[in-house]
Amino acid sequence: MDVRFHLSPDAQLTEEQIREIEAARDLPYVEDEDSPEIDPERTPELWAAMMEALAERNRKMAQRMA
């Protein structure tokens, strides 16, 4: 089951949401078939997609800060 939600930039998080996010920081990252390790040598296409997504995110953040 997929659970999706959208946060607007001006939305205020509830105290419960903040606690959930803080608790999630301590959870271990588990790689599996749905979330494999992204290795530039073994999965170059995933690596390239991840790097492009990071670059796009950074461009958007830089534009907002300008």
N, C-alpha and C. Protein backbone atom coordinates (compact mmCIF):
# COMPACT_ATOMS: atom_id res chain seq x y z
N MET A 1 0.85 -1.17 0.00
CA MET A 1 0.00 0.00 0.00
C MET A 1 0.89 1.24 0.00
N ASP A 2 0.57 2.17 -0.88
CA ASP A 2 1.28 3.44 -0.92
C ASP A 2 0.54 4.47 -0.09
N VAL A 3 1.30 5.23 0.65
CA VAL A 3 0.73 6.35 1.39
C VAL A 3 1.43 7.59 0.87
N ARG A 4 0.68 8.52 0.36
CA ARG A 4 1.26 9.73 -0.20
C ARG A 4 0.63 10.95 0.46
N PHE A 5 1.42 11.97 0.64
CA PHE A 5 0.91 13.22 1.15
C PHE A 5 1.79 14.33 0.64
N HIS A 6 1.28 15.51 0.64
CA HIS A 6 2.02 16.67 0.15
C HIS A 6 2.04 17.73 1.25
N LEU A 7 3.21 18.29 1.45
CA LEU A 7 3.35 19.40 2.40
C LEU A 7 3.53 20.68 1.60
N SER A 8 2.81 21.68 1.98
CA SER A 8 3.04 22.98 1.36
C SER A 8 4.13 23.68 2.16
N PRO A 9 4.90 24.53 1.50
CA PRO A 9 6.02 25.19 2.19
C PRO A 9 5.60 26.00 3.42
N ASP A 10 4.37 26.49 3.44
CA ASP A 10 3.93 27.31 4.56
C ASP A 10 3.17 26.51 5.62
N ALA A 11 3.08 25.19 5.45
CA ALA A 11 2.37 24.35 6.42
C ALA A 11 3.17 24.22 7.71
N GLN A 12 2.49 24.26 8.82
CA GLN A 12 3.14 24.09 10.12
C GLN A 12 2.99 22.64 10.55
N LEU A 13 4.09 22.02 10.96
CA LEU A 13 4.04 20.64 11.44
C LEU A 13 3.47 20.61 12.85
N THR A 14 2.75 19.53 13.13
CA THR A 14 2.24 19.36 14.49
C THR A 14 3.37 18.84 15.37
N GLU A 15 3.19 18.90 16.68
CA GLU A 15 4.20 18.36 17.60
C GLU A 15 4.38 16.87 17.37
N GLU A 16 3.29 16.16 17.10
CA GLU A 16 3.39 14.71 16.84
C GLU A 16 4.20 14.44 15.58
N GLN A 17 4.00 15.21 14.52
CA GLN A 17 4.77 15.03 13.30
C GLN A 17 6.25 15.30 13.54
N ILE A 18 6.55 16.31 14.31
CA ILE A 18 7.95 16.62 14.62
C ILE A 18 8.58 15.47 15.40
N ARG A 19 7.86 14.91 16.37
CA ARG A 19 8.39 13.78 17.12
C ARG A 19 8.61 12.57 16.22
N GLU A 20 7.70 12.31 15.27
CA GLU A 20 7.86 11.19 14.36
C GLU A 20 9.10 11.37 13.48
N ILE A 21 9.31 12.57 13.00
CA ILE A 21 10.48 12.85 12.16
C ILE A 21 11.76 12.67 12.96
N GLU A 22 11.78 13.18 14.18
CA GLU A 22 12.96 13.04 15.02
C GLU A 22 13.22 11.58 15.36
N ALA A 23 12.18 10.80 15.60
CA ALA A 23 12.35 9.37 15.89
C ALA A 23 12.86 8.62 14.67
N ALA A 24 12.45 9.05 13.48
CA ALA A 24 12.89 8.37 12.25
C ALA A 24 14.38 8.54 12.01
N ARG A 25 14.97 9.59 12.56
CA ARG A 25 16.42 9.79 12.38
C ARG A 25 17.22 8.62 12.94
N ASP A 26 16.70 7.96 13.96
CA ASP A 26 17.43 6.88 14.61
C ASP A 26 17.18 5.52 13.98
N LEU A 27 16.27 5.44 13.02
CA LEU A 27 15.98 4.16 12.38
C LEU A 27 17.11 3.79 11.42
N PRO A 28 17.46 2.52 11.34
CA PRO A 28 18.53 2.13 10.42
C PRO A 28 18.03 2.17 8.97
N TYR A 29 18.94 2.42 8.05
CA TYR A 29 18.63 2.35 6.63
C TYR A 29 18.82 0.91 6.20
N VAL A 30 17.82 0.32 5.61
CA VAL A 30 17.88 -1.08 5.20
C VAL A 30 17.77 -1.15 3.69
N GLU A 31 18.79 -1.71 3.06
CA GLU A 31 18.76 -1.89 1.61
C GLU A 31 18.09 -3.22 1.32
N ASP A 32 17.19 -3.23 0.33
CA ASP A 32 16.55 -4.46 -0.10
C ASP A 32 16.25 -4.35 -1.58
N GLU A 33 15.46 -5.26 -2.13
CA GLU A 33 15.20 -5.23 -3.57
C GLU A 33 14.42 -3.99 -3.99
N ASP A 34 13.63 -3.42 -3.08
CA ASP A 34 12.89 -2.20 -3.40
C ASP A 34 13.73 -0.95 -3.21
N SER A 35 14.79 -1.06 -2.45
CA SER A 35 15.66 0.07 -2.16
C SER A 35 17.11 -0.40 -2.20
N PRO A 36 17.62 -0.70 -3.40
CA PRO A 36 18.97 -1.25 -3.49
C PRO A 36 20.04 -0.18 -3.28
N GLU A 37 21.24 -0.64 -2.98
CA GLU A 37 22.38 0.27 -2.88
C GLU A 37 22.63 0.88 -4.25
N ILE A 38 22.90 2.16 -4.28
CA ILE A 38 23.20 2.82 -5.55
C ILE A 38 24.71 2.96 -5.65
N ASP A 39 25.29 2.13 -6.49
CA ASP A 39 26.74 2.06 -6.67
C ASP A 39 27.05 2.52 -8.09
N PRO A 40 27.94 3.50 -8.25
CA PRO A 40 28.22 4.00 -9.61
C PRO A 40 28.79 2.94 -10.55
N GLU A 41 29.43 1.92 -10.01
CA GLU A 41 30.00 0.88 -10.88
C GLU A 41 28.98 -0.21 -11.21
N ARG A 42 28.14 -0.58 -10.25
CA ARG A 42 27.17 -1.66 -10.48
C ARG A 42 25.87 -1.17 -11.09
N THR A 43 25.47 0.05 -10.76
CA THR A 43 24.21 0.60 -11.27
C THR A 43 24.43 2.02 -11.78
N PRO A 44 25.16 2.16 -12.89
CA PRO A 44 25.48 3.51 -13.38
C PRO A 44 24.24 4.33 -13.75
N GLU A 45 23.16 3.67 -14.23
CA GLU A 45 21.97 4.42 -14.61
C GLU A 45 21.26 4.99 -13.38
N LEU A 46 21.23 4.23 -12.30
CA LEU A 46 20.64 4.75 -11.06
C LEU A 46 21.50 5.87 -10.47
N TRP A 47 22.80 5.69 -10.54
CA TRP A 47 23.73 6.70 -10.03
C TRP A 47 23.55 8.01 -10.79
N ALA A 48 23.47 7.92 -12.12
CA ALA A 48 23.31 9.13 -12.93
C ALA A 48 21.97 9.81 -12.62
N ALA A 49 20.91 9.03 -12.46
CA ALA A 49 19.60 9.60 -12.14
C ALA A 49 19.63 10.28 -10.78
N MET A 50 20.28 9.65 -9.80
CA MET A 50 20.37 10.24 -8.47
C MET A 50 21.16 11.55 -8.51
N MET A 51 22.27 11.56 -9.23
CA MET A 51 23.09 12.77 -9.31
C MET A 51 22.32 13.90 -10.00
N GLU A 52 21.55 13.58 -11.04
CA GLU A 52 20.75 14.60 -11.72
C GLU A 52 19.66 15.13 -10.80
N ALA A 53 19.02 14.25 -10.04
CA ALA A 53 17.98 14.69 -9.10
C ALA A 53 18.58 15.60 -8.02
N LEU A 54 19.75 15.26 -7.52
CA LEU A 54 20.41 16.10 -6.52
C LEU A 54 20.78 17.46 -7.10
N ALA A 55 21.28 17.46 -8.33
CA ALA A 55 21.66 18.72 -8.97
C ALA A 55 20.43 19.60 -9.17
N GLU A 56 19.32 19.00 -9.61
CA GLU A 56 18.09 19.76 -9.81
C GLU A 56 17.58 20.32 -8.48
N ARG A 57 17.62 19.52 -7.42
CA ARG A 57 17.20 19.99 -6.11
C ARG A 57 18.06 21.17 -5.67
N ASN A 58 19.37 21.05 -5.86
CA ASN A 58 20.28 22.12 -5.47
C ASN A 58 20.04 23.39 -6.28
N ARG A 59 19.74 23.25 -7.58
CA ARG A 59 19.44 24.42 -8.41
C ARG A 59 18.19 25.13 -7.89
N LYS A 60 17.15 24.35 -7.56
CA LYS A 60 15.91 24.94 -7.07
C LYS A 60 16.14 25.64 -5.73
N MET A 61 16.91 25.02 -4.86
CA MET A 61 17.19 25.64 -3.56
C MET A 61 17.99 26.92 -3.74
N ALA A 62 18.95 26.92 -4.65
CA ALA A 62 19.75 28.12 -4.88
C ALA A 62 18.91 29.25 -5.44
N GLN A 63 17.95 28.92 -6.30
CA GLN A 63 17.07 29.94 -6.87
C GLN A 63 16.18 30.55 -5.78
N ARG A 64 15.70 29.71 -4.86
CA ARG A 64 14.85 30.23 -3.78
C ARG A 64 15.63 31.14 -2.84
N MET A 65 16.92 30.84 -2.67
CA MET A 65 17.73 31.61 -1.73
C MET A 65 18.22 32.92 -2.34
N ALA A 66 18.19 33.01 -3.67
CA ALA A 66 18.69 34.22 -4.35
C ALA A 66 17.72 35.37 -4.24
